[in-house]
Amino acid sequence: MFKSKAGGFALLLFMSVHGFSQNKSDSIVYYLRPIISEIEVLIGPSSVFIHGNEKFDSNGELKVGYAGGFGFIHNFGRRVALNARILWERKGFRQSQEISYTPISGSSPVTGTIKSNTNNDYLTVSVMPRLAFGRFRRFYVGAGVYYGSLRKSKTTDHYFYPTPYNATINSKNGFDKYDGGLSFSLGYTFPFRKKASFTIQLLDNYGLRQISKFYNLNPGYLPIRNSSYSVLFGVNF
């Protein structure tokens, strides 16, 4: 008798909790729907480099990074929207320099190229108002700001003497914890279904913050600021 009553009570409790959780979930969706019009998932390659530094202008090389993450879009109307994003970005820089030196006094000079590759990984948050245009409002442009937190940094140096070899170090302590600047985007939307679409975007993150700790310690050291151009492919729903 006791077991049957306990079983009945457990069943009623489960149904009540299930109904409450379902109602609560529906309520959350109901309240969030006016705020979040669309969710986007994005990923793609980037061209990353340092700007405003004479040394990197002469010794810098093309470096490929990437960006990926998700965003939230709030539509204020048929053409104006606010886009907030969280991206994981691989930034950094590559550089090479040909040098010549004499290992031992009186010996023949040795000439070769020293190369360096730095990978800086950032968790980036951006806010960007955007405007849709065109007959079907499939093109859009946006401009806003971004703020990044440095999560990892690794630098690999390639030496040619006495034999070619690589040396890799954790270089996080050489850079500021944070990055920030302006974001610009140009995109196009491909309708797929009633509530889903594909998108391709060109994203320019132009850094304004000086990120090198060596610059802060040495007044003669040139400032370092991030810059990246990304081609992002994604889906909105």
C-alpha atoms as a PDB file:
ATOM      1  CA  MET A   1       0.000   0.000   0.000  1.00  0.00           C
ATOM      2  CA  PHE A   2       2.787   2.359   0.969  1.00  0.00           C
ATOM      3  CA  LYS A   3       4.721   1.549  -2.216  1.00  0.00           C
ATOM      4  CA  SER A   4       1.717   2.300  -4.443  1.00  0.00           C
ATOM      5  CA  LYS A   5       1.122   5.647  -2.715  1.00  0.00           C
ATOM      6  CA  ALA A   6       4.810   6.498  -2.960  1.00  0.00           C
ATOM      7  CA  GLY A   7       4.821   5.571  -6.632  1.00  0.00           C
ATOM      8  CA  GLY A   8       1.750   7.730  -7.271  1.00  0.00           C
ATOM      9  CA  PHE A   9       3.288  10.657  -5.432  1.00  0.00           C
ATOM     10  CA  ALA A  10       6.542  10.305  -7.393  1.00  0.00           C
ATOM     11  CA  LEU A  11       4.609  10.259 -10.667  1.00  0.00           C
ATOM     12  CA  LEU A  12       2.686  13.404  -9.735  1.00  0.00           C
ATOM     13  CA  LEU A  13       5.912  15.104  -8.630  1.00  0.00           C
ATOM     14  CA  PHE A  14       7.632  14.216 -11.903  1.00  0.00           C
ATOM     15  CA  MET A  15       4.715  15.526 -13.963  1.00  0.00           C
ATOM     16  CA  SER A  16       4.627  18.761 -11.956  1.00  0.00           C
ATOM     17  CA  VAL A  17       8.387  19.350 -12.272  1.00  0.00           C
ATOM     18  CA  HIS A  18       8.325  18.488 -15.971  1.00  0.00           C
ATOM     19  CA  GLY A  19       5.413  20.859 -16.563  1.00  0.00           C
ATOM     20  CA  PHE A  20       7.070  23.620 -14.554  1.00  0.00           C
ATOM     21  CA  SER A  21      10.419  23.246 -16.352  1.00  0.00           C
ATOM     22  CA  GLN A  22       8.678  23.215 -19.728  1.00  0.00           C
ATOM     23  CA  ASN A  23       6.689  26.340 -18.878  1.00  0.00           C
ATOM     24  CA  LYS A  24       9.829  28.011 -17.586  1.00  0.00           C
ATOM     25  CA  SER A  25      11.729  27.142 -20.772  1.00  0.00           C
ATOM     26  CA  ASP A  26       8.885  28.455 -22.919  1.00  0.00           C
ATOM     27  CA  SER A  27       8.820  31.659 -20.851  1.00  0.00           C
ATOM     28  CA  ILE A  28      12.564  32.200 -21.352  1.00  0.00           C
ATOM     29  CA  VAL A  29      12.201  31.726 -25.094  1.00  0.00           C
ATOM     30  CA  TYR A  30       9.215  34.090 -25.115  1.00  0.00           C
ATOM     31  CA  TYR A  31      11.140  36.846 -23.330  1.00  0.00           C
ATOM     32  CA  LEU A  32      14.355  36.377 -25.350  1.00  0.00           C
ATOM     33  CA  ARG A  33      12.661  36.261 -28.738  1.00  0.00           C
ATOM     34  CA  PRO A  34      12.167  40.070 -29.016  1.00  0.00           C
ATOM     35  CA  ILE A  35      15.844  40.567 -28.065  1.00  0.00           C
ATOM     36  CA  ILE A  36      17.503  37.907 -30.253  1.00  0.00           C
ATOM     37  CA  SER A  37      16.132  37.972 -33.772  1.00  0.00           C
ATOM     38  CA  GLU A  38      18.788  35.629 -35.220  1.00  0.00           C
ATOM     39  CA  ILE A  39      21.728  33.501 -34.107  1.00  0.00           C
ATOM     40  CA  GLU A  40      24.761  33.115 -36.380  1.00  0.00           C
ATOM     41  CA  VAL A  41      27.589  30.560 -36.433  1.00  0.00           C
ATOM     42  CA  LEU A  42      30.743  31.631 -38.328  1.00  0.00           C
ATOM     43  CA  ILE A  43      34.170  30.289 -39.287  1.00  0.00           C
ATOM     44  CA  GLY A  44      36.817  31.152 -41.862  1.00  0.00           C
ATOM     45  CA  PRO A  45      40.457  32.012 -42.678  1.00  0.00           C
ATOM     46  CA  SER A  46      42.200  35.301 -41.943  1.00  0.00           C
ATOM     47  CA  SER A  47      45.155  37.297 -43.178  1.00  0.00           C
ATOM     48  CA  VAL A  48      46.867  38.693 -40.061  1.00  0.00           C
ATOM     49  CA  PHE A  49      49.704  41.169 -39.635  1.00  0.00           C
ATOM     50  CA  ILE A  50      51.010  44.141 -37.648  1.00  0.00           C
ATOM     51  CA  HIS A  51      50.276  47.697 -38.778  1.00  0.00           C
ATOM     52  CA  GLY A  52      51.954  51.016 -38.071  1.00  0.00           C
ATOM     53  CA  ASN A  53      55.392  49.505 -37.448  1.00  0.00           C
ATOM     54  CA  GLU A  54      58.294  50.232 -39.812  1.00  0.00           C
ATOM     55  CA  LYS A  55      60.171  47.078 -38.843  1.00  0.00           C
ATOM     56  CA  PHE A  56      57.258  44.843 -39.797  1.00  0.00           C
ATOM     57  CA  ASP A  57      56.632  46.867 -42.944  1.00  0.00           C
ATOM     58  CA  SER A  58      60.101  45.849 -44.162  1.00  0.00           C
ATOM     59  CA  ASN A  59      60.518  42.373 -42.593  1.00  0.00           C
ATOM     60  CA  GLY A  60      56.935  41.162 -42.222  1.00  0.00           C
ATOM     61  CA  GLU A  61      55.552  38.221 -44.215  1.00  0.00           C
ATOM     62  CA  LEU A  62      52.074  36.974 -45.063  1.00  0.00           C
ATOM     63  CA  LYS A  63      50.557  35.007 -42.193  1.00  0.00           C
ATOM     64  CA  VAL A  64      47.320  33.014 -42.293  1.00  0.00           C
ATOM     65  CA  GLY A  65      45.142  32.782 -39.199  1.00  0.00           C
ATOM     66  CA  TYR A  66      41.491  32.008 -38.615  1.00  0.00           C
ATOM     67  CA  ALA A  67      38.369  33.172 -36.807  1.00  0.00           C
ATOM     68  CA  GLY A  68      35.311  31.271 -35.621  1.00  0.00           C
ATOM     69  CA  GLY A  69      32.443  31.624 -33.193  1.00  0.00           C
ATOM     70  CA  PHE A  70      28.869  32.751 -32.911  1.00  0.00           C
ATOM     71  CA  GLY A  71      26.815  35.915 -32.718  1.00  0.00           C
ATOM     72  CA  PHE A  72      23.424  37.366 -31.865  1.00  0.00           C
ATOM     73  CA  ILE A  73      21.446  39.737 -34.054  1.00  0.00           C
ATOM     74  CA  HIS A  74      18.681  42.089 -32.957  1.00  0.00           C
ATOM     75  CA  ASN A  75      16.604  43.615 -35.746  1.00  0.00           C
ATOM     76  CA  PHE A  76      15.325  47.136 -35.160  1.00  0.00           C
ATOM     77  CA  GLY A  77      13.439  47.065 -38.429  1.00  0.00           C
ATOM     78  CA  ARG A  78      13.733  45.691 -41.934  1.00  0.00           C
ATOM     79  CA  ARG A  79      17.141  47.295 -42.584  1.00  0.00           C
ATOM     80  CA  VAL A  80      18.812  48.210 -39.274  1.00  0.00           C
ATOM     81  CA  ALA A  81      20.211  45.632 -36.835  1.00  0.00           C
ATOM     82  CA  LEU A  82      22.656  45.282 -33.943  1.00  0.00           C
ATOM     83  CA  ASN A  83      25.172  42.425 -34.149  1.00  0.00           C
ATOM     84  CA  ALA A  84      27.044  41.121 -31.059  1.00  0.00           C
ATOM     85  CA  ARG A  85      29.691  38.417 -31.538  1.00  0.00           C
ATOM     86  CA  ILE A  86      32.038  36.148 -29.611  1.00  0.00           C
ATOM     87  CA  LEU A  87      34.937  34.864 -31.734  1.00  0.00           C
ATOM     88  CA  TRP A  88      38.074  32.818 -31.182  1.00  0.00           C
ATOM     89  CA  GLU A  89      40.749  34.457 -33.339  1.00  0.00           C
ATOM     90  CA  ARG A  90      44.222  33.306 -34.325  1.00  0.00           C
ATOM     91  CA  LYS A  91      46.297  36.461 -34.823  1.00  0.00           C
ATOM     92  CA  GLY A  92      50.008  37.180 -34.674  1.00  0.00           C
ATOM     93  CA  PHE A  93      52.731  37.854 -37.229  1.00  0.00           C
ATOM     94  CA  ARG A  94      55.580  36.397 -39.260  1.00  0.00           C
ATOM     95  CA  GLN A  95      58.858  38.076 -40.067  1.00  0.00           C
ATOM     96  CA  SER A  96      62.210  37.217 -41.603  1.00  0.00           C
ATOM     97  CA  GLN A  97      65.523  38.994 -41.831  1.00  0.00           C
ATOM     98  CA  GLU A  98      68.736  38.168 -43.647  1.00  0.00           C
ATOM     99  CA  ILE A  99      71.802  38.650 -41.489  1.00  0.00           C
ATOM    100  CA  SER A 100      75.539  38.212 -41.900  1.00  0.00           C
ATOM    101  CA  TYR A 101      78.036  37.789 -39.058  1.00  0.00           C
ATOM    102  CA  THR A 102      81.455  36.346 -38.291  1.00  0.00           C
ATOM    103  CA  PRO A 103      81.279  33.455 -35.778  1.00  0.00           C
ATOM    104  CA  ILE A 104      85.005  33.576 -34.928  1.00  0.00           C
ATOM    105  CA  SER A 105      87.405  36.440 -35.391  1.00  0.00           C
ATOM    106  CA  GLY A 106      89.262  36.025 -38.664  1.00  0.00           C
ATOM    107  CA  SER A 107      86.854  33.412 -40.094  1.00  0.00           C
ATOM    108  CA  SER A 108      84.636  33.852 -43.142  1.00  0.00           C
ATOM    109  CA  PRO A 109      81.283  35.614 -42.636  1.00  0.00           C
ATOM    110  CA  VAL A 110      78.157  33.491 -42.420  1.00  0.00           C
ATOM    111  CA  THR A 111      75.005  34.734 -44.144  1.00  0.00           C
ATOM    112  CA  GLY A 112      71.490  33.372 -43.657  1.00  0.00           C
ATOM    113  CA  THR A 113      67.871  34.178 -42.874  1.00  0.00           C
ATOM    114  CA  ILE A 114      66.352  34.198 -39.400  1.00  0.00           C
ATOM    115  CA  LYS A 115      62.595  33.631 -39.335  1.00  0.00           C
ATOM    116  CA  SER A 116      60.049  34.129 -36.572  1.00  0.00           C
ATOM    117  CA  ASN A 117      56.389  33.103 -36.347  1.00  0.00           C
ATOM    118  CA  THR A 118      54.135  34.252 -33.487  1.00  0.00           C
ATOM    119  CA  ASN A 119      50.649  32.826 -32.868  1.00  0.00           C
ATOM    120  CA  ASN A 120      48.424  34.893 -30.584  1.00  0.00           C
ATOM    121  CA  ASP A 121      44.996  33.436 -29.770  1.00  0.00           C
ATOM    122  CA  TYR A 122      42.309  35.877 -28.629  1.00  0.00           C
ATOM    123  CA  LEU A 123      38.782  35.516 -27.320  1.00  0.00           C
ATOM    124  CA  THR A 124      37.110  38.517 -28.932  1.00  0.00           C
ATOM    125  CA  VAL A 125      33.801  40.237 -28.212  1.00  0.00           C
ATOM    126  CA  SER A 126      32.444  42.776 -30.705  1.00  0.00           C
ATOM    127  CA  VAL A 127      29.373  44.991 -31.037  1.00  0.00           C
ATOM    128  CA  MET A 128      28.481  46.218 -34.504  1.00  0.00           C
ATOM    129  CA  PRO A 129      25.421  48.108 -35.787  1.00  0.00           C
ATOM    130  CA  ARG A 130      24.709  47.173 -39.388  1.00  0.00           C
ATOM    131  CA  LEU A 131      22.581  48.303 -42.303  1.00  0.00           C
ATOM    132  CA  ALA A 132      20.980  46.068 -44.959  1.00  0.00           C
ATOM    133  CA  PHE A 133      20.522  47.348 -48.495  1.00  0.00           C
ATOM    134  CA  GLY A 134      19.513  46.166 -51.934  1.00  0.00           C
ATOM    135  CA  ARG A 135      16.137  45.164 -53.313  1.00  0.00           C
ATOM    136  CA  PHE A 136      15.850  42.095 -51.075  1.00  0.00           C
ATOM    137  CA  ARG A 137      18.044  43.467 -48.257  1.00  0.00           C
ATOM    138  CA  ARG A 138      20.573  40.650 -48.685  1.00  0.00           C
ATOM    139  CA  PHE A 139      23.662  42.893 -48.669  1.00  0.00           C
ATOM    140  CA  TYR A 140      24.709  44.536 -45.429  1.00  0.00           C
ATOM    141  CA  VAL A 141      27.507  46.664 -44.033  1.00  0.00           C
ATOM    142  CA  GLY A 142      28.484  47.164 -40.422  1.00  0.00           C
ATOM    143  CA  ALA A 143      30.891  49.142 -38.267  1.00  0.00           C
ATOM    144  CA  GLY A 144      31.603  48.901 -34.561  1.00  0.00           C
ATOM    145  CA  VAL A 145      34.219  48.018 -31.952  1.00  0.00           C
ATOM    146  CA  TYR A 146      35.883  44.851 -30.676  1.00  0.00           C
ATOM    147  CA  TYR A 147      37.675  43.918 -27.471  1.00  0.00           C
ATOM    148  CA  GLY A 148      39.907  40.859 -27.174  1.00  0.00           C
ATOM    149  CA  SER A 149      41.500  38.885 -24.347  1.00  0.00           C
ATOM    150  CA  LEU A 150      44.790  37.107 -25.077  1.00  0.00           C
ATOM    151  CA  ARG A 151      44.435  33.420 -24.155  1.00  0.00           C
ATOM    152  CA  LYS A 152      47.580  31.833 -25.630  1.00  0.00           C
ATOM    153  CA  SER A 153      50.790  32.954 -27.317  1.00  0.00           C
ATOM    154  CA  LYS A 154      53.549  30.874 -28.906  1.00  0.00           C
ATOM    155  CA  THR A 155      56.600  32.020 -30.870  1.00  0.00           C
ATOM    156  CA  THR A 156      58.774  29.774 -33.041  1.00  0.00           C
ATOM    157  CA  ASP A 157      62.159  31.075 -34.203  1.00  0.00           C
ATOM    158  CA  HIS A 158      64.092  29.423 -37.029  1.00  0.00           C
ATOM    159  CA  TYR A 159      67.898  29.656 -36.939  1.00  0.00           C
ATOM    160  CA  PHE A 160      70.345  28.645 -39.656  1.00  0.00           C
ATOM    161  CA  TYR A 161      73.615  28.393 -37.671  1.00  0.00           C
ATOM    162  CA  PRO A 162      75.447  26.176 -36.832  1.00  0.00           C
ATOM    163  CA  THR A 163      72.766  23.887 -38.321  1.00  0.00           C
ATOM    164  CA  PRO A 164      69.144  24.777 -39.141  1.00  0.00           C
ATOM    165  CA  TYR A 165      66.860  24.331 -36.121  1.00  0.00           C
ATOM    166  CA  ASN A 166      63.662  25.681 -34.550  1.00  0.00           C
ATOM    167  CA  ALA A 167      63.092  26.951 -31.019  1.00  0.00           C
ATOM    168  CA  THR A 168      59.563  27.421 -29.637  1.00  0.00           C
ATOM    169  CA  ILE A 169      58.681  29.366 -26.489  1.00  0.00           C
ATOM    170  CA  ASN A 170      55.590  30.515 -24.611  1.00  0.00           C
ATOM    171  CA  SER A 171      55.527  34.224 -25.467  1.00  0.00           C
ATOM    172  CA  LYS A 172      52.377  35.277 -23.589  1.00  0.00           C
ATOM    173  CA  ASN A 173      54.354  37.382 -21.108  1.00  0.00           C
ATOM    174  CA  GLY A 174      55.661  39.517 -23.974  1.00  0.00           C
ATOM    175  CA  PHE A 175      52.212  40.856 -24.872  1.00  0.00           C
ATOM    176  CA  ASP A 176      49.484  42.823 -23.183  1.00  0.00           C
ATOM    177  CA  LYS A 177      46.521  40.827 -21.905  1.00  0.00           C
ATOM    178  CA  TYR A 178      44.039  42.790 -23.993  1.00  0.00           C
ATOM    179  CA  ASP A 179      43.504  43.959 -27.544  1.00  0.00           C
ATOM    180  CA  GLY A 180      40.929  46.362 -28.941  1.00  0.00           C
ATOM    181  CA  GLY A 181      39.978  48.357 -31.987  1.00  0.00           C
ATOM    182  CA  LEU A 182      37.466  48.911 -34.769  1.00  0.00           C
ATOM    183  CA  SER A 183      35.454  46.307 -36.698  1.00  0.00           C
ATOM    184  CA  PHE A 184      34.110  46.677 -40.220  1.00  0.00           C
ATOM    185  CA  SER A 185      32.097  44.100 -42.158  1.00  0.00           C
ATOM    186  CA  LEU A 186      30.496  43.555 -45.537  1.00  0.00           C
ATOM    187  CA  GLY A 187      28.213  40.584 -46.047  1.00  0.00           C
ATOM    188  CA  TYR A 188      25.683  38.817 -48.208  1.00  0.00           C
ATOM    189  CA  THR A 189      22.894  36.451 -47.181  1.00  0.00           C
ATOM    190  CA  PHE A 190      21.708  33.422 -49.166  1.00  0.00           C
ATOM    191  CA  PRO A 191      18.190  32.341 -48.135  1.00  0.00           C
ATOM    192  CA  PHE A 192      17.995  28.589 -47.469  1.00  0.00           C
ATOM    193  CA  ARG A 193      14.797  27.942 -45.595  1.00  0.00           C
ATOM    194  CA  LYS A 194      12.129  30.066 -43.995  1.00  0.00           C
ATOM    195  CA  LYS A 195      14.074  30.413 -40.736  1.00  0.00           C
ATOM    196  CA  ALA A 196      17.628  29.697 -41.910  1.00  0.00           C
ATOM    197  CA  SER A 197      20.130  31.240 -44.319  1.00  0.00           C
ATOM    198  CA  PHE A 198      23.767  31.025 -45.346  1.00  0.00           C
ATOM    199  CA  THR A 199      26.059  34.024 -45.160  1.00  0.00           C
ATOM    200  CA  ILE A 200      29.481  35.099 -46.381  1.00  0.00           C
ATOM    201  CA  GLN A 201      31.206  38.045 -44.752  1.00  0.00           C
ATOM    202  CA  LEU A 202      34.373  40.104 -45.083  1.00  0.00           C
ATOM    203  CA  LEU A 203      35.533  41.210 -41.635  1.00  0.00           C
ATOM    204  CA  ASP A 204      38.248  43.778 -40.914  1.00  0.00           C
ATOM    205  CA  ASN A 205      39.444  44.042 -37.299  1.00  0.00           C
ATOM    206  CA  TYR A 206      41.732  47.067 -37.095  1.00  0.00           C
ATOM    207  CA  GLY A 207      43.607  47.184 -33.798  1.00  0.00           C
ATOM    208  CA  LEU A 208      44.095  50.472 -31.960  1.00  0.00           C
ATOM    209  CA  ARG A 209      45.612  49.126 -28.756  1.00  0.00           C
ATOM    210  CA  GLN A 210      49.394  48.789 -28.398  1.00  0.00           C
ATOM    211  CA  ILE A 211      49.925  45.113 -27.453  1.00  0.00           C
ATOM    212  CA  SER A 212      53.700  44.800 -26.909  1.00  0.00           C
ATOM    213  CA  LYS A 213      55.093  44.878 -23.371  1.00  0.00           C
ATOM    214  CA  PHE A 214      58.571  45.554 -24.789  1.00  0.00           C
ATOM    215  CA  TYR A 215      57.287  48.873 -26.101  1.00  0.00           C
ATOM    216  CA  ASN A 216      56.186  49.859 -22.593  1.00  0.00           C
ATOM    217  CA  LEU A 217      59.608  48.945 -21.168  1.00  0.00           C
ATOM    218  CA  ASN A 218      61.732  50.442 -23.948  1.00  0.00           C
ATOM    219  CA  PRO A 219      60.784  53.862 -25.394  1.00  0.00           C
ATOM    220  CA  GLY A 220      62.833  53.098 -28.520  1.00  0.00           C
ATOM    221  CA  TYR A 221      60.820  49.990 -29.354  1.00  0.00           C
ATOM    222  CA  LEU A 222      58.189  50.485 -32.041  1.00  0.00           C
ATOM    223  CA  PRO A 223      54.520  49.880 -31.116  1.00  0.00           C
ATOM    224  CA  ILE A 224      52.705  46.729 -32.252  1.00  0.00           C
ATOM    225  CA  ARG A 225      49.013  46.773 -33.199  1.00  0.00           C
ATOM    226  CA  ASN A 226      46.999  43.869 -34.582  1.00  0.00           C
ATOM    227  CA  SER A 227      45.227  43.887 -37.915  1.00  0.00           C
ATOM    228  CA  SER A 228      43.272  41.095 -39.596  1.00  0.00           C
ATOM    229  CA  TYR A 229      41.113  40.515 -42.657  1.00  0.00           C
ATOM    230  CA  SER A 230      38.802  37.511 -42.436  1.00  0.00           C
ATOM    231  CA  VAL A 231      36.503  35.734 -44.872  1.00  0.00           C
ATOM    232  CA  LEU A 232      33.771  34.148 -42.766  1.00  0.00           C
ATOM    233  CA  PHE A 233      31.243  31.554 -43.842  1.00  0.00           C
ATOM    234  CA  GLY A 234      28.243  30.879 -41.673  1.00  0.00           C
ATOM    235  CA  VAL A 235      24.641  29.984 -41.118  1.00  0.00           C
ATOM    236  CA  ASN A 236      21.916  32.126 -39.517  1.00  0.00           C
ATOM    237  CA  PHE A 237      18.812  30.723 -37.876  1.00  0.00           C
END
